[in-house]
Amino acid sequence: MSIYQKYVLPRATHFLCSLKPAMKQREKVVPLAAGRVLEIGIGTGLNLPYYTPGKVEHLWGLDPSREMWGLGELNTRPVDFDVEFIEASASSIPLENNCADTVLITYTLCTIPDVIPSLEEAHRVLKRDGILVFCEHGSAPDKSVQRWQNWLNPAWKRLAGGCNLNRDVPALLKQGGFRVRNLETMYIPGWKPGCFNYWGTASPN
């Protein structure tokens, strides 16, 4: 692992993901999580303040990057439920079938290399009556912005640790075995190629 990947990228990712527009999006979706929750891409724990007290029994925080976890953000946010860090890839989740009431994914699908296998894994661990709660940035509806996203994506992906600007989030969820139940979209404030957001809920097919 390079110095950039180990020291610079985790801090840059934390900074960008903690900007006010992204935090306001987290505030919209995280309170929907309940029961036994799997958060895919927990990173530095930016979602922790938004879980509703008393609704969550246990939180599995999945992330392949111990460097993100080790920044210390998680240790400064007291919560009234157990948080269990799992250092693993989303494409191979070390949990039993049908064990989670909620799977939460925020600003993570853009970066996962094997996105369809990872969503299939999320489908496997989610109870049949459970919900997937998501908030992601991705492909914009405006052709001019799409052109910029597609043109910038190869360089951006290398610079931003694998982040893709142009993924079609609803299509990916469908390919991963989910049915989108509620979907909202908008440009949040910021750099337009990276700021078209999709958020809502989905259920296992």
N, C-alpha and C. Protein backbone atom coordinates (compact mmCIF):
# COMPACT_ATOMS: atom_id res chain seq x y z
N MET A 1 0.85 -1.20 0.00
CA MET A 1 0.00 0.00 0.00
C MET A 1 0.88 1.25 0.00
N SER A 2 0.57 2.21 -0.88
CA SER A 2 1.38 3.43 -0.99
C SER A 2 1.09 4.38 0.18
N ILE A 3 1.98 5.34 0.38
CA ILE A 3 1.79 6.36 1.41
C ILE A 3 0.50 7.13 1.15
N TYR A 4 0.23 7.41 -0.13
CA TYR A 4 -1.00 8.13 -0.49
C TYR A 4 -2.24 7.34 -0.05
N GLN A 5 -2.26 6.04 -0.35
CA GLN A 5 -3.41 5.21 -0.01
C GLN A 5 -3.56 5.03 1.49
N LYS A 6 -2.44 4.95 2.21
CA LYS A 6 -2.49 4.66 3.64
C LYS A 6 -2.78 5.89 4.48
N TYR A 7 -2.21 7.05 4.10
CA TYR A 7 -2.31 8.22 4.96
C TYR A 7 -3.13 9.37 4.37
N VAL A 8 -2.95 9.63 3.09
CA VAL A 8 -3.59 10.80 2.48
C VAL A 8 -5.04 10.51 2.10
N LEU A 9 -5.27 9.42 1.38
CA LEU A 9 -6.60 9.11 0.87
C LEU A 9 -7.65 8.95 1.97
N PRO A 10 -7.38 8.21 3.07
CA PRO A 10 -8.41 8.10 4.12
C PRO A 10 -8.81 9.46 4.69
N ARG A 11 -7.87 10.35 4.88
CA ARG A 11 -8.18 11.68 5.43
C ARG A 11 -8.92 12.54 4.42
N ALA A 12 -8.53 12.44 3.15
CA ALA A 12 -9.23 13.19 2.11
C ALA A 12 -10.66 12.69 1.96
N THR A 13 -10.84 11.37 2.02
CA THR A 13 -12.17 10.79 1.90
C THR A 13 -13.05 11.23 3.08
N HIS A 14 -12.49 11.19 4.27
CA HIS A 14 -13.24 11.62 5.45
C HIS A 14 -13.66 13.08 5.32
N PHE A 15 -12.75 13.92 4.85
CA PHE A 15 -13.06 15.35 4.71
C PHE A 15 -14.20 15.57 3.72
N LEU A 16 -14.10 14.96 2.53
CA LEU A 16 -15.12 15.16 1.51
C LEU A 16 -16.47 14.59 1.93
N CYS A 17 -16.45 13.43 2.58
CA CYS A 17 -17.71 12.79 2.98
C CYS A 17 -18.35 13.45 4.18
N SER A 18 -17.60 14.32 4.86
CA SER A 18 -18.16 15.00 6.03
C SER A 18 -18.58 16.44 5.73
N LEU A 19 -18.52 16.84 4.47
CA LEU A 19 -18.99 18.18 4.11
C LEU A 19 -20.49 18.31 4.38
N LYS A 20 -20.94 19.50 4.66
CA LYS A 20 -22.32 19.74 5.12
C LYS A 20 -23.39 19.17 4.19
N PRO A 21 -23.31 19.34 2.86
CA PRO A 21 -24.37 18.77 2.00
C PRO A 21 -24.50 17.26 2.13
N ALA A 22 -23.37 16.54 2.22
CA ALA A 22 -23.42 15.09 2.37
C ALA A 22 -23.96 14.70 3.73
N MET A 23 -23.61 15.45 4.76
CA MET A 23 -24.12 15.15 6.10
C MET A 23 -25.62 15.37 6.18
N LYS A 24 -26.12 16.37 5.48
CA LYS A 24 -27.57 16.59 5.46
C LYS A 24 -28.29 15.42 4.78
N GLN A 25 -27.66 14.82 3.78
CA GLN A 25 -28.23 13.65 3.13
C GLN A 25 -28.25 12.45 4.08
N ARG A 26 -27.17 12.28 4.83
CA ARG A 26 -27.13 11.20 5.81
C ARG A 26 -28.27 11.35 6.83
N GLU A 27 -28.51 12.58 7.22
CA GLU A 27 -29.56 12.86 8.20
C GLU A 27 -30.94 12.43 7.71
N LYS A 28 -31.12 12.40 6.38
CA LYS A 28 -32.40 12.00 5.80
C LYS A 28 -32.62 10.49 5.85
N VAL A 29 -31.54 9.71 5.67
CA VAL A 29 -31.73 8.28 5.46
C VAL A 29 -31.35 7.40 6.64
N VAL A 30 -30.34 7.78 7.40
CA VAL A 30 -29.86 6.89 8.47
C VAL A 30 -30.93 6.59 9.51
N PRO A 31 -31.81 7.55 9.87
CA PRO A 31 -32.84 7.23 10.87
C PRO A 31 -33.82 6.14 10.43
N LEU A 32 -33.82 5.77 9.16
CA LEU A 32 -34.70 4.69 8.69
C LEU A 32 -34.19 3.32 9.13
N ALA A 33 -32.94 3.22 9.52
CA ALA A 33 -32.35 1.93 9.91
C ALA A 33 -32.90 1.50 11.26
N ALA A 34 -33.17 0.19 11.38
CA ALA A 34 -33.72 -0.34 12.63
C ALA A 34 -33.30 -1.80 12.80
N GLY A 35 -33.35 -2.26 14.05
CA GLY A 35 -33.05 -3.66 14.34
C GLY A 35 -31.57 -3.96 14.26
N ARG A 36 -31.25 -5.10 13.66
CA ARG A 36 -29.86 -5.50 13.45
C ARG A 36 -29.43 -4.95 12.10
N VAL A 37 -28.47 -4.04 12.13
CA VAL A 37 -28.13 -3.23 10.96
C VAL A 37 -26.73 -3.58 10.47
N LEU A 38 -26.60 -3.77 9.17
CA LEU A 38 -25.30 -3.89 8.52
C LEU A 38 -25.05 -2.60 7.74
N GLU A 39 -24.02 -1.86 8.14
CA GLU A 39 -23.64 -0.67 7.37
C GLU A 39 -22.43 -1.03 6.52
N ILE A 40 -22.62 -1.00 5.21
CA ILE A 40 -21.56 -1.32 4.27
C ILE A 40 -20.77 -0.05 3.95
N GLY A 41 -19.47 -0.06 4.27
CA GLY A 41 -18.65 1.12 4.06
C GLY A 41 -18.78 2.11 5.21
N ILE A 42 -18.61 1.62 6.44
CA ILE A 42 -18.81 2.49 7.60
C ILE A 42 -17.74 3.57 7.70
N GLY A 43 -16.56 3.32 7.12
CA GLY A 43 -15.51 4.35 7.11
C GLY A 43 -15.17 4.83 8.50
N THR A 44 -15.25 6.15 8.71
CA THR A 44 -14.91 6.75 10.00
C THR A 44 -16.13 6.93 10.90
N GLY A 45 -17.25 6.37 10.52
CA GLY A 45 -18.42 6.42 11.39
C GLY A 45 -19.25 7.68 11.29
N LEU A 46 -19.25 8.31 10.12
CA LEU A 46 -19.98 9.57 9.96
C LEU A 46 -21.49 9.42 10.13
N ASN A 47 -22.01 8.21 9.93
CA ASN A 47 -23.45 8.02 10.07
C ASN A 47 -23.91 7.83 11.52
N LEU A 48 -22.98 7.55 12.41
CA LEU A 48 -23.36 7.18 13.78
C LEU A 48 -24.26 8.19 14.49
N PRO A 49 -24.05 9.50 14.33
CA PRO A 49 -24.91 10.44 15.06
C PRO A 49 -26.38 10.42 14.60
N TYR A 50 -26.64 9.83 13.45
CA TYR A 50 -27.99 9.92 12.87
C TYR A 50 -28.85 8.68 13.10
N TYR A 51 -28.29 7.63 13.69
CA TYR A 51 -29.12 6.49 14.05
C TYR A 51 -30.08 6.91 15.17
N THR A 52 -31.33 6.44 15.08
CA THR A 52 -32.33 6.81 16.07
C THR A 52 -32.14 5.99 17.35
N PRO A 53 -31.94 6.64 18.48
CA PRO A 53 -31.77 5.90 19.73
C PRO A 53 -32.96 4.97 20.00
N GLY A 54 -32.65 3.76 20.40
CA GLY A 54 -33.69 2.80 20.72
C GLY A 54 -34.17 1.96 19.56
N LYS A 55 -33.83 2.36 18.32
CA LYS A 55 -34.29 1.60 17.15
C LYS A 55 -33.30 0.53 16.71
N VAL A 56 -32.03 0.73 17.03
CA VAL A 56 -30.98 -0.18 16.56
C VAL A 56 -30.56 -1.11 17.70
N GLU A 57 -30.57 -2.41 17.41
CA GLU A 57 -30.14 -3.41 18.41
C GLU A 57 -28.63 -3.66 18.32
N HIS A 58 -28.13 -3.75 17.10
CA HIS A 58 -26.71 -4.08 16.89
C HIS A 58 -26.31 -3.53 15.53
N LEU A 59 -25.11 -3.01 15.45
CA LEU A 59 -24.60 -2.49 14.19
C LEU A 59 -23.32 -3.21 13.80
N TRP A 60 -23.35 -3.86 12.64
CA TRP A 60 -22.13 -4.37 12.03
C TRP A 60 -21.61 -3.29 11.10
N GLY A 61 -20.39 -2.82 11.31
CA GLY A 61 -19.79 -1.81 10.45
C GLY A 61 -18.75 -2.46 9.56
N LEU A 62 -19.09 -2.64 8.31
CA LEU A 62 -18.21 -3.33 7.36
C LEU A 62 -17.37 -2.33 6.59
N ASP A 63 -16.07 -2.57 6.52
CA ASP A 63 -15.19 -1.72 5.72
C ASP A 63 -13.87 -2.47 5.50
N PRO A 64 -13.32 -2.41 4.29
CA PRO A 64 -12.04 -3.08 4.04
C PRO A 64 -10.85 -2.27 4.53
N SER A 65 -11.07 -1.02 4.93
CA SER A 65 -9.97 -0.13 5.27
C SER A 65 -9.86 0.07 6.77
N ARG A 66 -8.91 -0.58 7.39
CA ARG A 66 -8.65 -0.35 8.81
C ARG A 66 -8.09 1.06 9.02
N GLU A 67 -7.49 1.63 7.98
CA GLU A 67 -6.97 3.00 8.09
C GLU A 67 -8.12 3.99 8.32
N MET A 68 -9.24 3.77 7.62
CA MET A 68 -10.40 4.64 7.83
C MET A 68 -10.92 4.49 9.25
N TRP A 69 -11.11 3.25 9.67
CA TRP A 69 -11.59 2.97 11.01
C TRP A 69 -10.66 3.57 12.07
N GLY A 70 -9.37 3.51 11.78
CA GLY A 70 -8.37 3.93 12.75
C GLY A 70 -8.21 5.43 12.89
N LEU A 71 -8.91 6.22 12.10
CA LEU A 71 -8.80 7.67 12.24
C LEU A 71 -9.37 8.17 13.57
N GLY A 72 -10.19 7.33 14.22
CA GLY A 72 -10.64 7.68 15.57
C GLY A 72 -12.02 8.28 15.64
N GLU A 73 -12.67 8.55 14.50
CA GLU A 73 -13.99 9.16 14.52
C GLU A 73 -14.99 8.30 15.30
N LEU A 74 -14.92 6.99 15.10
CA LEU A 74 -15.88 6.09 15.74
C LEU A 74 -15.76 6.13 17.26
N ASN A 75 -14.55 6.32 17.76
CA ASN A 75 -14.35 6.27 19.20
C ASN A 75 -14.86 7.51 19.92
N THR A 76 -15.26 8.53 19.18
CA THR A 76 -15.70 9.77 19.81
C THR A 76 -17.21 9.95 19.74
N ARG A 77 -17.95 8.95 19.25
CA ARG A 77 -19.39 9.09 19.07
C ARG A 77 -20.11 8.04 19.92
N PRO A 78 -20.54 8.39 21.14
CA PRO A 78 -21.23 7.41 21.98
C PRO A 78 -22.60 7.06 21.39
N VAL A 79 -22.93 5.77 21.41
CA VAL A 79 -24.23 5.31 20.93
C VAL A 79 -24.78 4.30 21.94
N ASP A 80 -26.09 4.03 21.87
CA ASP A 80 -26.72 3.15 22.85
C ASP A 80 -26.89 1.73 22.32
N PHE A 81 -26.02 1.33 21.36
CA PHE A 81 -26.06 -0.02 20.82
C PHE A 81 -24.64 -0.49 20.54
N ASP A 82 -24.49 -1.79 20.40
CA ASP A 82 -23.17 -2.36 20.12
C ASP A 82 -22.76 -2.08 18.69
N VAL A 83 -21.52 -1.68 18.50
CA VAL A 83 -20.94 -1.49 17.17
C VAL A 83 -19.80 -2.50 17.00
N GLU A 84 -19.93 -3.32 15.98
CA GLU A 84 -18.93 -4.36 15.72
C GLU A 84 -18.28 -4.10 14.36
N PHE A 85 -16.98 -3.77 14.37
CA PHE A 85 -16.28 -3.51 13.12
C PHE A 85 -15.90 -4.82 12.45
N ILE A 86 -16.19 -4.92 11.15
CA ILE A 86 -15.80 -6.09 10.36
C ILE A 86 -14.89 -5.60 9.24
N GLU A 87 -13.65 -6.02 9.28
CA GLU A 87 -12.70 -5.65 8.24
C GLU A 87 -12.81 -6.66 7.11
N ALA A 88 -13.58 -6.32 6.09
CA ALA A 88 -13.83 -7.26 5.00
C ALA A 88 -14.38 -6.51 3.80
N SER A 89 -14.31 -7.19 2.66
CA SER A 89 -14.87 -6.64 1.43
C SER A 89 -16.37 -6.87 1.38
N ALA A 90 -17.09 -5.96 0.73
CA ALA A 90 -18.53 -6.11 0.58
C ALA A 90 -18.89 -7.27 -0.33
N SER A 91 -17.96 -7.72 -1.14
CA SER A 91 -18.24 -8.84 -2.03
C SER A 91 -18.11 -10.19 -1.33
N SER A 92 -17.70 -10.18 -0.07
CA SER A 92 -17.58 -11.42 0.71
C SER A 92 -17.85 -11.08 2.18
N ILE A 93 -19.12 -10.93 2.51
CA ILE A 93 -19.53 -10.49 3.84
C ILE A 93 -19.56 -11.70 4.79
N PRO A 94 -18.79 -11.69 5.86
CA PRO A 94 -18.72 -12.85 6.76
C PRO A 94 -19.86 -12.87 7.78
N LEU A 95 -21.09 -12.86 7.28
CA LEU A 95 -22.28 -12.95 8.12
C LEU A 95 -23.20 -14.02 7.56
N GLU A 96 -24.11 -14.51 8.41
CA GLU A 96 -25.03 -15.56 8.01
C GLU A 96 -26.13 -15.00 7.11
N ASN A 97 -26.77 -15.90 6.38
CA ASN A 97 -27.92 -15.53 5.56
C ASN A 97 -29.04 -14.96 6.43
N ASN A 98 -29.76 -13.98 5.90
CA ASN A 98 -30.98 -13.47 6.51
C ASN A 98 -30.79 -13.04 7.97
N CYS A 99 -29.69 -12.36 8.26
CA CYS A 99 -29.41 -11.98 9.64
C CYS A 99 -29.66 -10.50 9.93
N ALA A 100 -29.77 -9.67 8.90
CA ALA A 100 -29.89 -8.22 9.10
C ALA A 100 -31.31 -7.74 8.80
N ASP A 101 -31.80 -6.86 9.64
CA ASP A 101 -33.09 -6.22 9.40
C ASP A 101 -32.95 -5.06 8.42
N THR A 102 -31.80 -4.41 8.46
CA THR A 102 -31.52 -3.26 7.60
C THR A 102 -30.10 -3.36 7.07
N VAL A 103 -29.94 -3.07 5.79
CA VAL A 103 -28.60 -2.82 5.23
C VAL A 103 -28.56 -1.35 4.84
N LEU A 104 -27.55 -0.65 5.31
CA LEU A 104 -27.38 0.77 5.03
C LEU A 104 -26.15 0.98 4.18
N ILE A 105 -26.31 1.71 3.08
CA ILE A 105 -25.18 2.03 2.19
C ILE A 105 -25.24 3.52 1.87
N THR A 106 -24.22 4.27 2.27
CA THR A 106 -24.16 5.69 1.95
C THR A 106 -22.81 6.03 1.33
N TYR A 107 -22.85 6.60 0.14
CA TYR A 107 -21.64 7.05 -0.57
C TYR A 107 -20.57 5.95 -0.61
N THR A 108 -21.01 4.76 -0.97
CA THR A 108 -20.14 3.59 -0.98
C THR A 108 -20.18 2.85 -2.31
N LEU A 109 -21.35 2.77 -2.94
CA LEU A 109 -21.47 2.03 -4.21
C LEU A 109 -20.57 2.60 -5.29
N CYS A 110 -20.23 3.88 -5.19
CA CYS A 110 -19.37 4.51 -6.19
C CYS A 110 -17.97 3.90 -6.21
N THR A 111 -17.54 3.35 -5.06
CA THR A 111 -16.16 2.92 -4.90
C THR A 111 -15.97 1.42 -4.94
N ILE A 112 -17.00 0.64 -4.62
CA ILE A 112 -16.87 -0.81 -4.57
C ILE A 112 -16.50 -1.35 -5.95
N PRO A 113 -15.40 -2.09 -6.08
CA PRO A 113 -15.01 -2.61 -7.40
C PRO A 113 -16.01 -3.61 -7.97
N ASP A 114 -16.38 -4.60 -7.16
CA ASP A 114 -17.30 -5.66 -7.61
C ASP A 114 -18.71 -5.33 -7.11
N VAL A 115 -19.33 -4.34 -7.74
CA VAL A 115 -20.55 -3.78 -7.16
C VAL A 115 -21.73 -4.75 -7.21
N ILE A 116 -21.91 -5.49 -8.30
CA ILE A 116 -23.05 -6.42 -8.37
C ILE A 116 -22.87 -7.58 -7.39
N PRO A 117 -21.71 -8.27 -7.36
CA PRO A 117 -21.53 -9.29 -6.33
C PRO A 117 -21.71 -8.76 -4.90
N SER A 118 -21.33 -7.51 -4.67
CA SER A 118 -21.48 -6.92 -3.34
C SER A 118 -22.95 -6.71 -3.01
N LEU A 119 -23.73 -6.24 -3.97
CA LEU A 119 -25.16 -6.09 -3.74
C LEU A 119 -25.84 -7.44 -3.56
N GLU A 120 -25.38 -8.43 -4.28
CA GLU A 120 -25.91 -9.79 -4.10
C GLU A 120 -25.60 -10.31 -2.70
N GLU A 121 -24.43 -9.97 -2.17
CA GLU A 121 -24.10 -10.33 -0.80
C GLU A 121 -25.00 -9.59 0.19
N ALA A 122 -25.25 -8.31 -0.06
CA ALA A 122 -26.18 -7.56 0.79
C ALA A 122 -27.56 -8.20 0.77
N HIS A 123 -27.99 -8.64 -0.40
CA HIS A 123 -29.28 -9.32 -0.56
C HIS A 123 -29.29 -10.61 0.26
N ARG A 124 -28.18 -11.32 0.26
CA ARG A 124 -28.11 -12.61 0.98
C ARG A 124 -28.26 -12.43 2.48
N VAL A 125 -27.60 -11.42 3.04
CA VAL A 125 -27.63 -11.27 4.50
C VAL A 125 -28.88 -10.54 5.00
N LEU A 126 -29.61 -9.89 4.10
CA LEU A 126 -30.79 -9.13 4.49
C LEU A 126 -32.00 -10.07 4.61
N LYS A 127 -32.76 -9.89 5.68
CA LYS A 127 -33.98 -10.68 5.85
C LYS A 127 -34.95 -10.38 4.72
N ARG A 128 -35.80 -11.35 4.40
CA ARG A 128 -36.72 -11.19 3.28
C ARG A 128 -37.68 -10.03 3.48
N ASP A 129 -37.99 -9.68 4.74
CA ASP A 129 -38.85 -8.54 5.01
C ASP A 129 -38.04 -7.31 5.44
N GLY A 130 -36.71 -7.37 5.22
CA GLY A 130 -35.85 -6.26 5.59
C GLY A 130 -35.81 -5.18 4.52
N ILE A 131 -35.08 -4.09 4.80
CA ILE A 131 -34.96 -3.00 3.83
C ILE A 131 -33.50 -2.63 3.63
N LEU A 132 -33.21 -2.24 2.41
CA LEU A 132 -31.93 -1.63 2.06
C LEU A 132 -32.17 -0.12 2.03
N VAL A 133 -31.40 0.61 2.81
CA VAL A 133 -31.47 2.07 2.84
C VAL A 133 -30.21 2.61 2.16
N PHE A 134 -30.38 3.51 1.21
CA PHE A 134 -29.23 3.96 0.43
C PHE A 134 -29.24 5.46 0.20
N CYS A 135 -28.05 6.02 0.07
CA CYS A 135 -27.85 7.39 -0.40
C CYS A 135 -26.52 7.40 -1.13
N GLU A 136 -26.55 7.70 -2.41
CA GLU A 136 -25.36 7.60 -3.26
C GLU A 136 -25.32 8.75 -4.26
N HIS A 137 -24.13 9.07 -4.72
CA HIS A 137 -24.01 9.97 -5.87
C HIS A 137 -23.80 9.11 -7.11
N GLY A 138 -24.14 9.66 -8.28
CA GLY A 138 -23.99 8.86 -9.49
C GLY A 138 -24.33 9.63 -10.74
N SER A 139 -24.68 8.88 -11.77
CA SER A 139 -24.94 9.43 -13.10
C SER A 139 -26.02 10.50 -13.06
N ALA A 140 -25.71 11.65 -13.62
CA ALA A 140 -26.65 12.78 -13.64
C ALA A 140 -27.63 12.65 -14.79
N PRO A 141 -28.80 13.28 -14.68
CA PRO A 141 -29.79 13.20 -15.76
C PRO A 141 -29.49 14.12 -16.94
N ASP A 142 -28.68 15.14 -16.73
CA ASP A 142 -28.39 16.11 -17.77
C ASP A 142 -27.24 15.62 -18.65
N LYS A 143 -27.46 15.61 -19.95
CA LYS A 143 -26.46 15.07 -20.88
C LYS A 143 -25.13 15.80 -20.78
N SER A 144 -25.17 17.11 -20.58
CA SER A 144 -23.92 17.85 -20.51
C SER A 144 -23.11 17.43 -19.29
N VAL A 145 -23.78 17.21 -18.16
CA VAL A 145 -23.08 16.76 -16.95
C VAL A 145 -22.60 15.32 -17.13
N GLN A 146 -23.43 14.49 -17.76
CA GLN A 146 -23.02 13.10 -18.04
C GLN A 146 -21.74 13.06 -18.85
N ARG A 147 -21.63 13.92 -19.86
CA ARG A 147 -20.42 13.93 -20.69
C ARG A 147 -19.19 14.25 -19.84
N TRP A 148 -19.33 15.24 -18.95
CA TRP A 148 -18.22 15.56 -18.05
C TRP A 148 -17.91 14.39 -17.13
N GLN A 149 -18.93 13.75 -16.58
CA GLN A 149 -18.71 12.61 -15.70
C GLN A 149 -17.95 11.49 -16.42
N ASN A 150 -18.39 11.18 -17.63
CA ASN A 150 -17.75 10.09 -18.38
C ASN A 150 -16.32 10.45 -18.78
N TRP A 151 -16.09 11.71 -19.13
CA TRP A 151 -14.75 12.14 -19.54
C TRP A 151 -13.78 12.17 -18.36
N LEU A 152 -14.27 12.63 -17.21
CA LEU A 152 -13.42 12.77 -16.03
C LEU A 152 -13.22 11.46 -15.28
N ASN A 153 -14.12 10.50 -15.47
CA ASN A 153 -14.14 9.33 -14.59
C ASN A 153 -12.83 8.55 -14.52
N PRO A 154 -12.14 8.26 -15.65
CA PRO A 154 -10.91 7.48 -15.53
C PRO A 154 -9.86 8.12 -14.62
N ALA A 155 -9.65 9.42 -14.77
CA ALA A 155 -8.67 10.11 -13.94
C ALA A 155 -9.17 10.26 -12.50
N TRP A 156 -10.45 10.59 -12.35
CA TRP A 156 -11.03 10.75 -11.02
C TRP A 156 -10.95 9.44 -10.24
N LYS A 157 -11.21 8.35 -10.90
CA LYS A 157 -11.19 7.03 -10.25
C LYS A 157 -9.81 6.72 -9.69
N ARG A 158 -8.77 7.05 -10.44
CA ARG A 158 -7.41 6.80 -9.96
C ARG A 158 -7.06 7.71 -8.78
N LEU A 159 -7.49 8.97 -8.86
CA LEU A 159 -7.16 9.95 -7.83
C LEU A 159 -7.95 9.72 -6.55
N ALA A 160 -9.22 9.29 -6.70
CA ALA A 160 -10.14 9.23 -5.56
C ALA A 160 -10.35 7.82 -5.02
N GLY A 161 -9.35 6.97 -5.14
CA GLY A 161 -9.41 5.65 -4.52
C GLY A 161 -10.46 4.73 -5.08
N GLY A 162 -10.72 4.84 -6.39
CA GLY A 162 -11.68 3.94 -7.04
C GLY A 162 -13.08 4.49 -7.17
N CYS A 163 -13.31 5.71 -6.73
CA CYS A 163 -14.65 6.32 -6.81
C CYS A 163 -15.02 6.58 -8.27
N ASN A 164 -16.25 6.18 -8.63
CA ASN A 164 -16.79 6.41 -9.97
C ASN A 164 -17.83 7.53 -9.92
N LEU A 165 -17.77 8.43 -10.89
CA LEU A 165 -18.72 9.54 -10.95
C LEU A 165 -20.03 9.18 -11.63
N ASN A 166 -20.04 8.12 -12.44
CA ASN A 166 -21.12 7.93 -13.41
C ASN A 166 -21.91 6.63 -13.26
N ARG A 167 -21.98 6.07 -12.08
CA ARG A 167 -22.74 4.83 -11.91
C ARG A 167 -24.25 5.11 -11.81
N ASP A 168 -25.01 4.25 -12.47
CA ASP A 168 -26.48 4.34 -12.47
C ASP A 168 -26.99 3.56 -11.26
N VAL A 169 -27.25 4.25 -10.18
CA VAL A 169 -27.55 3.59 -8.91
C VAL A 169 -28.82 2.74 -8.96
N PRO A 170 -29.95 3.24 -9.46
CA PRO A 170 -31.14 2.38 -9.50
C PRO A 170 -30.95 1.12 -10.35
N ALA A 171 -30.25 1.25 -11.46
CA ALA A 171 -30.00 0.08 -12.32
C ALA A 171 -29.13 -0.94 -11.60
N LEU A 172 -28.13 -0.47 -10.87
CA LEU A 172 -27.26 -1.38 -10.12
C LEU A 172 -28.04 -2.13 -9.04
N LEU A 173 -28.90 -1.42 -8.34
CA LEU A 173 -29.71 -2.06 -7.30
C LEU A 173 -30.59 -3.15 -7.90
N LYS A 174 -31.17 -2.87 -9.04
CA LYS A 174 -32.01 -3.87 -9.70
C LYS A 174 -31.19 -5.09 -10.10
N GLN A 175 -30.00 -4.86 -10.67
CA GLN A 175 -29.13 -5.97 -11.06
C GLN A 175 -28.68 -6.79 -9.86
N GLY A 176 -28.59 -6.15 -8.71
CA GLY A 176 -28.16 -6.84 -7.49
C GLY A 176 -29.27 -7.58 -6.78
N GLY A 177 -30.49 -7.55 -7.34
CA GLY A 177 -31.59 -8.32 -6.78
C GLY A 177 -32.57 -7.54 -5.93
N PHE A 178 -32.54 -6.20 -6.02
CA PHE A 178 -33.42 -5.37 -5.20
C PHE A 178 -34.49 -4.68 -6.04
N ARG A 179 -35.60 -4.40 -5.37
CA ARG A 179 -36.68 -3.61 -5.97
C ARG A 179 -36.72 -2.28 -5.24
N VAL A 180 -36.52 -1.19 -5.96
CA VAL A 180 -36.54 0.14 -5.35
C VAL A 180 -37.96 0.49 -4.96
N ARG A 181 -38.16 0.80 -3.70
CA ARG A 181 -39.48 1.13 -3.18
C ARG A 181 -39.71 2.64 -3.15
N ASN A 182 -38.72 3.37 -2.72
CA ASN A 182 -38.80 4.84 -2.67
C ASN A 182 -37.51 5.39 -3.23
N LEU A 183 -37.62 6.39 -4.09
CA LEU A 183 -36.44 6.98 -4.71
C LEU A 183 -36.62 8.48 -4.85
N GLU A 184 -35.64 9.22 -4.35
CA GLU A 184 -35.59 10.66 -4.55
C GLU A 184 -34.24 11.02 -5.15
N THR A 185 -34.21 12.10 -5.91
CA THR A 185 -32.97 12.53 -6.56
C THR A 185 -32.86 14.05 -6.54
N MET A 186 -31.64 14.53 -6.54
CA MET A 186 -31.40 15.97 -6.67
C MET A 186 -29.89 16.21 -6.77
N TYR A 187 -29.53 17.38 -7.27
CA TYR A 187 -28.16 17.86 -7.15
C TYR A 187 -28.02 18.49 -5.77
N ILE A 188 -27.06 18.00 -4.99
CA ILE A 188 -26.77 18.68 -3.74
C ILE A 188 -25.70 19.72 -4.02
N PRO A 189 -25.52 20.72 -3.15
CA PRO A 189 -24.52 21.76 -3.40
C PRO A 189 -23.12 21.17 -3.54
N GLY A 190 -22.37 21.72 -4.48
CA GLY A 190 -20.99 21.26 -4.67
C GLY A 190 -20.63 21.14 -6.13
N TRP A 191 -19.59 20.39 -6.38
CA TRP A 191 -19.06 20.17 -7.73
C TRP A 191 -20.04 19.29 -8.51
N LYS A 192 -20.63 19.84 -9.56
CA LYS A 192 -21.78 19.20 -10.20
C LYS A 192 -21.53 17.77 -10.69
N PRO A 193 -20.39 17.44 -11.30
CA PRO A 193 -20.19 16.05 -11.73
C PRO A 193 -20.23 15.03 -10.59
N GLY A 194 -20.01 15.48 -9.35
CA GLY A 194 -20.00 14.55 -8.23
C GLY A 194 -21.16 14.74 -7.27
N CYS A 195 -22.17 15.51 -7.66
CA CYS A 195 -23.18 15.92 -6.68
C CYS A 195 -24.62 15.53 -7.03
N PHE A 196 -24.83 14.69 -8.06
CA PHE A 196 -26.19 14.23 -8.28
C PHE A 196 -26.44 13.03 -7.37
N ASN A 197 -27.41 13.17 -6.47
CA ASN A 197 -27.67 12.16 -5.44
C ASN A 197 -28.94 11.37 -5.69
N TYR A 198 -28.87 10.09 -5.36
CA TYR A 198 -30.02 9.18 -5.32
C TYR A 198 -30.16 8.70 -3.87
N TRP A 199 -31.36 8.72 -3.33
CA TRP A 199 -31.55 8.13 -2.00
C TRP A 199 -32.96 7.57 -1.85
N GLY A 200 -33.06 6.59 -0.94
CA GLY A 200 -34.35 5.96 -0.73
C GLY A 200 -34.21 4.60 -0.09
N THR A 201 -35.18 3.73 -0.38
CA THR A 201 -35.18 2.37 0.17
C THR A 201 -35.46 1.37 -0.91
N ALA A 202 -35.02 0.13 -0.67
CA ALA A 202 -35.27 -0.96 -1.60
C ALA A 202 -35.50 -2.23 -0.78
N SER A 203 -36.17 -3.19 -1.40
CA SER A 203 -36.44 -4.46 -0.73
C SER A 203 -35.93 -5.60 -1.59
N PRO A 204 -35.64 -6.74 -0.96
CA PRO A 204 -35.18 -7.91 -1.74
C PRO A 204 -36.27 -8.41 -2.66
N ASN A 205 -35.91 -8.76 -3.89
CA ASN A 205 -36.88 -9.36 -4.81
C ASN A 205 -37.22 -10.77 -4.36
